[in-house]
Amino acid sequence: MEFTEAYKQTGPCCFSPNARYIAVAVDYRLMIRDTLSFKVVQLFSCLDKISYIEWALDSEYILCGLYKRPMIQAWSLTQPEWTCKIDEGPAGIAYARWSPDSRHILTTSELAGGR
């Protein structure tokens, strides 16, 4: 039996839906590795520590939840220059996920309060 070397991980990780990639959170960085060679194919920097990772169903896009800042950041694996940042401000973000078409991000906020 053979094992790969150990890799640092400080947050969530998940496999892409097509099982071609694994996304690993290391503090503020999102590392995308090839599942066969474990070589880094993309490295993205976030604005805060990564709390949540989710792949789009087509495995082309990935989002990170930065829940300490109520913010979402997303990237494209095929077009690394494309980025997205969603900042909900005071409303906050409780949860985010990709829509079934893999081109829209749905966010949910928990509004505190009452009268």
N, C-alpha and C. Protein backbone atom coordinates (compact mmCIF):
# COMPACT_ATOMS: atom_id res chain seq x y z
N MET A 1 0.83 -1.17 0.00
CA MET A 1 0.00 0.00 0.00
C MET A 1 0.89 1.24 0.00
N GLU A 2 0.53 2.22 -0.83
CA GLU A 2 1.30 3.46 -0.91
C GLU A 2 0.47 4.61 -0.37
N PHE A 3 1.15 5.57 0.26
CA PHE A 3 0.49 6.74 0.81
C PHE A 3 1.14 7.99 0.24
N THR A 4 0.35 9.04 0.08
CA THR A 4 0.91 10.32 -0.34
C THR A 4 1.51 11.00 0.89
N GLU A 5 2.30 12.04 0.66
CA GLU A 5 2.82 12.80 1.79
C GLU A 5 1.67 13.57 2.45
N ALA A 6 1.86 13.96 3.70
CA ALA A 6 0.84 14.71 4.43
C ALA A 6 0.76 16.14 3.90
N TYR A 7 -0.45 16.67 3.80
CA TYR A 7 -0.68 18.03 3.35
C TYR A 7 -1.40 18.80 4.44
N LYS A 8 -1.05 20.07 4.60
CA LYS A 8 -1.65 20.91 5.61
C LYS A 8 -3.09 21.24 5.25
N GLN A 9 -3.94 21.24 6.27
CA GLN A 9 -5.34 21.59 6.11
C GLN A 9 -5.81 22.21 7.42
N THR A 10 -6.42 23.39 7.36
CA THR A 10 -6.90 24.05 8.58
C THR A 10 -8.40 24.29 8.54
N GLY A 11 -9.04 23.96 7.45
CA GLY A 11 -10.48 24.19 7.31
C GLY A 11 -11.11 23.04 6.54
N PRO A 12 -12.26 23.30 5.96
CA PRO A 12 -12.98 22.24 5.24
C PRO A 12 -12.27 21.79 3.96
N CYS A 13 -12.64 20.61 3.50
CA CYS A 13 -12.19 20.12 2.20
C CYS A 13 -13.33 19.33 1.58
N CYS A 14 -13.33 19.25 0.25
CA CYS A 14 -14.36 18.46 -0.42
C CYS A 14 -13.93 18.13 -1.85
N PHE A 15 -14.43 17.02 -2.34
CA PHE A 15 -14.17 16.58 -3.71
C PHE A 15 -15.14 17.26 -4.66
N SER A 16 -14.68 17.52 -5.87
CA SER A 16 -15.57 18.08 -6.89
C SER A 16 -16.58 17.01 -7.30
N PRO A 17 -17.75 17.40 -7.79
CA PRO A 17 -18.76 16.42 -8.21
C PRO A 17 -18.26 15.43 -9.27
N ASN A 18 -17.32 15.87 -10.13
CA ASN A 18 -16.79 14.94 -11.13
C ASN A 18 -15.61 14.13 -10.61
N ALA A 19 -15.26 14.31 -9.32
CA ALA A 19 -14.19 13.59 -8.63
C ALA A 19 -12.80 13.84 -9.23
N ARG A 20 -12.66 14.88 -10.01
CA ARG A 20 -11.36 15.19 -10.63
C ARG A 20 -10.48 16.04 -9.72
N TYR A 21 -11.10 16.80 -8.81
CA TYR A 21 -10.36 17.72 -7.95
C TYR A 21 -10.75 17.55 -6.49
N ILE A 22 -9.84 17.98 -5.62
CA ILE A 22 -10.16 18.12 -4.21
C ILE A 22 -9.80 19.55 -3.81
N ALA A 23 -10.72 20.19 -3.12
CA ALA A 23 -10.51 21.57 -2.64
C ALA A 23 -10.17 21.49 -1.15
N VAL A 24 -9.11 22.17 -0.76
CA VAL A 24 -8.64 22.14 0.62
C VAL A 24 -8.45 23.57 1.12
N ALA A 25 -9.01 23.87 2.28
CA ALA A 25 -8.84 25.19 2.89
C ALA A 25 -7.63 25.17 3.82
N VAL A 26 -6.74 26.12 3.61
CA VAL A 26 -5.59 26.32 4.49
C VAL A 26 -5.63 27.79 4.91
N ASP A 27 -6.25 28.07 6.05
CA ASP A 27 -6.47 29.42 6.56
C ASP A 27 -7.20 30.27 5.52
N TYR A 28 -6.48 31.21 4.88
CA TYR A 28 -7.08 32.14 3.92
C TYR A 28 -6.95 31.66 2.48
N ARG A 29 -6.32 30.52 2.28
CA ARG A 29 -6.09 30.04 0.92
C ARG A 29 -6.96 28.83 0.60
N LEU A 30 -7.36 28.78 -0.66
CA LEU A 30 -8.10 27.63 -1.18
C LEU A 30 -7.22 26.95 -2.20
N MET A 31 -6.83 25.73 -1.91
CA MET A 31 -5.98 24.95 -2.81
C MET A 31 -6.82 23.93 -3.55
N ILE A 32 -6.69 23.91 -4.86
CA ILE A 32 -7.38 22.92 -5.69
C ILE A 32 -6.31 21.96 -6.19
N ARG A 33 -6.47 20.69 -5.84
CA ARG A 33 -5.50 19.66 -6.24
C ARG A 33 -6.16 18.66 -7.18
N ASP A 34 -5.37 18.14 -8.09
CA ASP A 34 -5.78 17.05 -8.96
C ASP A 34 -5.85 15.78 -8.10
N THR A 35 -6.92 15.01 -8.21
CA THR A 35 -7.07 13.84 -7.34
C THR A 35 -6.15 12.68 -7.72
N LEU A 36 -5.65 12.65 -8.94
CA LEU A 36 -4.76 11.56 -9.33
C LEU A 36 -3.31 11.83 -8.94
N SER A 37 -2.84 13.04 -9.17
CA SER A 37 -1.44 13.36 -8.89
C SER A 37 -1.24 14.14 -7.59
N PHE A 38 -2.30 14.71 -7.06
CA PHE A 38 -2.28 15.60 -5.89
C PHE A 38 -1.47 16.87 -6.12
N LYS A 39 -1.19 17.19 -7.38
CA LYS A 39 -0.52 18.45 -7.70
C LYS A 39 -1.52 19.59 -7.60
N VAL A 40 -1.05 20.77 -7.17
CA VAL A 40 -1.90 21.95 -7.08
C VAL A 40 -2.18 22.46 -8.50
N VAL A 41 -3.46 22.57 -8.85
CA VAL A 41 -3.84 23.08 -10.17
C VAL A 41 -4.30 24.53 -10.09
N GLN A 42 -4.78 24.97 -8.94
CA GLN A 42 -5.17 26.37 -8.72
C GLN A 42 -4.97 26.70 -7.25
N LEU A 43 -4.65 27.97 -7.00
CA LEU A 43 -4.51 28.46 -5.63
C LEU A 43 -5.19 29.82 -5.59
N PHE A 44 -6.19 29.95 -4.72
CA PHE A 44 -6.95 31.19 -4.61
C PHE A 44 -6.77 31.75 -3.20
N SER A 45 -6.70 33.07 -3.08
CA SER A 45 -6.58 33.73 -1.78
C SER A 45 -7.90 34.38 -1.41
N CYS A 46 -8.36 34.10 -0.22
CA CYS A 46 -9.60 34.67 0.29
C CYS A 46 -9.29 35.87 1.18
N LEU A 47 -10.32 36.65 1.48
CA LEU A 47 -10.17 37.83 2.31
C LEU A 47 -10.23 37.52 3.81
N ASP A 48 -10.59 36.30 4.17
CA ASP A 48 -10.65 35.89 5.57
C ASP A 48 -10.57 34.37 5.63
N LYS A 49 -10.58 33.83 6.83
CA LYS A 49 -10.49 32.37 7.01
C LYS A 49 -11.73 31.69 6.41
N ILE A 50 -11.50 30.59 5.72
CA ILE A 50 -12.56 29.87 5.02
C ILE A 50 -13.34 29.01 6.00
N SER A 51 -14.67 29.20 6.02
CA SER A 51 -15.56 28.44 6.89
C SER A 51 -16.29 27.33 6.15
N TYR A 52 -16.47 27.50 4.84
CA TYR A 52 -17.32 26.59 4.07
C TYR A 52 -16.84 26.57 2.63
N ILE A 53 -16.92 25.40 1.99
CA ILE A 53 -16.56 25.24 0.57
C ILE A 53 -17.69 24.47 -0.11
N GLU A 54 -18.04 24.90 -1.33
CA GLU A 54 -19.00 24.12 -2.11
C GLU A 54 -18.68 24.25 -3.59
N TRP A 55 -18.68 23.11 -4.28
CA TRP A 55 -18.48 23.07 -5.73
C TRP A 55 -19.81 23.27 -6.43
N ALA A 56 -19.78 23.89 -7.60
CA ALA A 56 -20.94 23.91 -8.48
C ALA A 56 -21.11 22.49 -9.04
N LEU A 57 -22.31 22.14 -9.42
CA LEU A 57 -22.57 20.78 -9.88
C LEU A 57 -21.76 20.39 -11.11
N ASP A 58 -21.35 21.37 -11.94
CA ASP A 58 -20.57 21.05 -13.13
C ASP A 58 -19.06 21.03 -12.85
N SER A 59 -18.66 21.23 -11.60
CA SER A 59 -17.24 21.21 -11.17
C SER A 59 -16.39 22.30 -11.79
N GLU A 60 -17.01 23.31 -12.39
CA GLU A 60 -16.26 24.40 -13.01
C GLU A 60 -16.06 25.58 -12.06
N TYR A 61 -16.99 25.76 -11.12
CA TYR A 61 -16.92 26.87 -10.18
C TYR A 61 -16.89 26.35 -8.74
N ILE A 62 -16.31 27.17 -7.86
CA ILE A 62 -16.26 26.81 -6.45
C ILE A 62 -16.48 28.08 -5.63
N LEU A 63 -17.16 27.93 -4.50
CA LEU A 63 -17.37 29.08 -3.63
C LEU A 63 -16.84 28.78 -2.24
N CYS A 64 -16.46 29.86 -1.55
CA CYS A 64 -16.00 29.77 -0.16
C CYS A 64 -16.87 30.70 0.68
N GLY A 65 -17.33 30.19 1.80
CA GLY A 65 -18.05 31.01 2.75
C GLY A 65 -17.08 31.56 3.78
N LEU A 66 -17.05 32.86 3.92
CA LEU A 66 -16.21 33.53 4.91
C LEU A 66 -17.18 34.12 5.94
N TYR A 67 -17.68 33.29 6.81
CA TYR A 67 -18.80 33.67 7.65
C TYR A 67 -18.42 34.64 8.77
N LYS A 68 -17.14 34.80 9.09
CA LYS A 68 -16.74 35.81 10.06
C LYS A 68 -16.94 37.21 9.50
N ARG A 69 -16.87 37.35 8.18
CA ARG A 69 -17.04 38.65 7.51
C ARG A 69 -18.38 38.79 6.83
N PRO A 70 -19.34 37.99 6.97
CA PRO A 70 -20.52 37.70 6.17
C PRO A 70 -20.29 37.92 4.67
N MET A 71 -19.45 37.07 4.08
CA MET A 71 -19.06 37.25 2.69
C MET A 71 -18.88 35.88 2.02
N ILE A 72 -19.12 35.87 0.71
CA ILE A 72 -18.88 34.70 -0.13
C ILE A 72 -17.91 35.12 -1.22
N GLN A 73 -16.94 34.25 -1.53
CA GLN A 73 -16.08 34.45 -2.69
C GLN A 73 -16.18 33.21 -3.56
N ALA A 74 -16.14 33.41 -4.87
CA ALA A 74 -16.26 32.29 -5.82
C ALA A 74 -15.26 32.48 -6.95
N TRP A 75 -14.85 31.35 -7.53
CA TRP A 75 -13.88 31.34 -8.63
C TRP A 75 -14.26 30.32 -9.67
N SER A 76 -13.68 30.50 -10.85
CA SER A 76 -13.82 29.55 -11.95
C SER A 76 -12.50 28.81 -12.12
N LEU A 77 -12.56 27.50 -12.27
CA LEU A 77 -11.33 26.74 -12.53
C LEU A 77 -10.86 26.89 -13.96
N THR A 78 -11.79 27.08 -14.90
CA THR A 78 -11.39 27.18 -16.30
C THR A 78 -11.02 28.60 -16.71
N GLN A 79 -11.48 29.60 -15.95
CA GLN A 79 -11.16 31.00 -16.21
C GLN A 79 -10.68 31.63 -14.90
N PRO A 80 -9.43 31.41 -14.51
CA PRO A 80 -8.94 31.87 -13.20
C PRO A 80 -9.02 33.38 -12.99
N GLU A 81 -9.14 34.16 -14.06
CA GLU A 81 -9.26 35.61 -13.90
C GLU A 81 -10.67 36.02 -13.45
N TRP A 82 -11.67 35.13 -13.59
CA TRP A 82 -13.03 35.41 -13.16
C TRP A 82 -13.14 35.21 -11.66
N THR A 83 -13.67 36.20 -10.97
CA THR A 83 -13.91 36.09 -9.53
C THR A 83 -15.26 36.69 -9.20
N CYS A 84 -15.76 36.34 -8.04
CA CYS A 84 -17.02 36.86 -7.56
C CYS A 84 -16.92 37.08 -6.05
N LYS A 85 -17.47 38.19 -5.58
CA LYS A 85 -17.51 38.45 -4.14
C LYS A 85 -18.92 38.94 -3.80
N ILE A 86 -19.56 38.30 -2.84
CA ILE A 86 -20.88 38.70 -2.38
C ILE A 86 -20.74 39.09 -0.91
N ASP A 87 -21.06 40.34 -0.61
CA ASP A 87 -20.96 40.86 0.75
C ASP A 87 -22.35 41.33 1.16
N GLU A 88 -22.95 40.66 2.10
CA GLU A 88 -24.31 40.99 2.51
C GLU A 88 -24.37 42.07 3.57
N GLY A 89 -23.24 42.57 4.02
CA GLY A 89 -23.21 43.66 4.99
C GLY A 89 -23.88 43.29 6.30
N PRO A 90 -24.67 44.19 6.89
CA PRO A 90 -25.27 43.95 8.20
C PRO A 90 -26.24 42.77 8.24
N ALA A 91 -26.85 42.42 7.11
CA ALA A 91 -27.79 41.29 7.09
C ALA A 91 -27.08 39.97 7.34
N GLY A 92 -25.81 39.89 6.97
CA GLY A 92 -25.04 38.67 7.18
C GLY A 92 -25.40 37.56 6.21
N ILE A 93 -24.63 36.50 6.25
CA ILE A 93 -24.89 35.31 5.43
C ILE A 93 -24.85 34.11 6.36
N ALA A 94 -25.94 33.40 6.44
CA ALA A 94 -26.00 32.20 7.26
C ALA A 94 -25.61 30.96 6.44
N TYR A 95 -25.88 31.02 5.13
CA TYR A 95 -25.65 29.85 4.29
C TYR A 95 -25.61 30.29 2.83
N ALA A 96 -24.80 29.61 2.04
CA ALA A 96 -24.75 29.87 0.60
C ALA A 96 -24.58 28.54 -0.13
N ARG A 97 -25.18 28.47 -1.31
CA ARG A 97 -25.02 27.27 -2.14
C ARG A 97 -25.24 27.62 -3.60
N TRP A 98 -24.75 26.74 -4.47
CA TRP A 98 -24.93 26.92 -5.91
C TRP A 98 -26.34 26.51 -6.31
N SER A 99 -26.90 27.21 -7.27
CA SER A 99 -28.19 26.82 -7.83
C SER A 99 -27.96 25.60 -8.73
N PRO A 100 -29.01 24.88 -9.08
CA PRO A 100 -28.84 23.68 -9.92
C PRO A 100 -28.19 23.93 -11.27
N ASP A 101 -28.27 25.16 -11.82
CA ASP A 101 -27.65 25.43 -13.11
C ASP A 101 -26.17 25.75 -13.01
N SER A 102 -25.61 25.77 -11.81
CA SER A 102 -24.17 26.02 -11.56
C SER A 102 -23.72 27.42 -11.98
N ARG A 103 -24.63 28.35 -12.17
CA ARG A 103 -24.26 29.70 -12.59
C ARG A 103 -24.78 30.79 -11.66
N HIS A 104 -25.50 30.40 -10.63
CA HIS A 104 -26.04 31.36 -9.67
C HIS A 104 -25.75 30.88 -8.25
N ILE A 105 -25.58 31.84 -7.35
CA ILE A 105 -25.34 31.52 -5.94
C ILE A 105 -26.54 32.01 -5.14
N LEU A 106 -27.07 31.12 -4.33
CA LEU A 106 -28.21 31.45 -3.47
C LEU A 106 -27.68 31.66 -2.06
N THR A 107 -28.05 32.77 -1.44
CA THR A 107 -27.60 33.04 -0.07
C THR A 107 -28.81 33.15 0.85
N THR A 108 -28.60 32.81 2.11
CA THR A 108 -29.63 32.91 3.14
C THR A 108 -29.06 33.71 4.29
N SER A 109 -29.88 34.61 4.81
CA SER A 109 -29.48 35.42 5.95
C SER A 109 -30.39 35.10 7.13
N GLU A 110 -29.85 35.25 8.33
CA GLU A 110 -30.64 35.12 9.53
C GLU A 110 -30.82 36.52 10.10
N LEU A 111 -31.99 37.05 9.93
CA LEU A 111 -32.25 38.39 10.42
C LEU A 111 -32.71 38.31 11.87
N ALA A 112 -31.92 38.89 12.75
CA ALA A 112 -32.26 38.91 14.16
C ALA A 112 -33.18 40.08 14.43
N GLY A 113 -33.91 39.98 15.43
CA GLY A 113 -34.70 41.14 15.79
C GLY A 113 -36.09 40.78 16.22
N GLY A 114 -36.97 41.60 15.89
CA GLY A 114 -38.33 41.50 16.34
C GLY A 114 -38.70 42.83 16.94
N ARG A 115 -39.84 42.96 17.44
CA ARG A 115 -40.26 44.24 18.01
C ARG A 115 -40.43 44.16 19.47
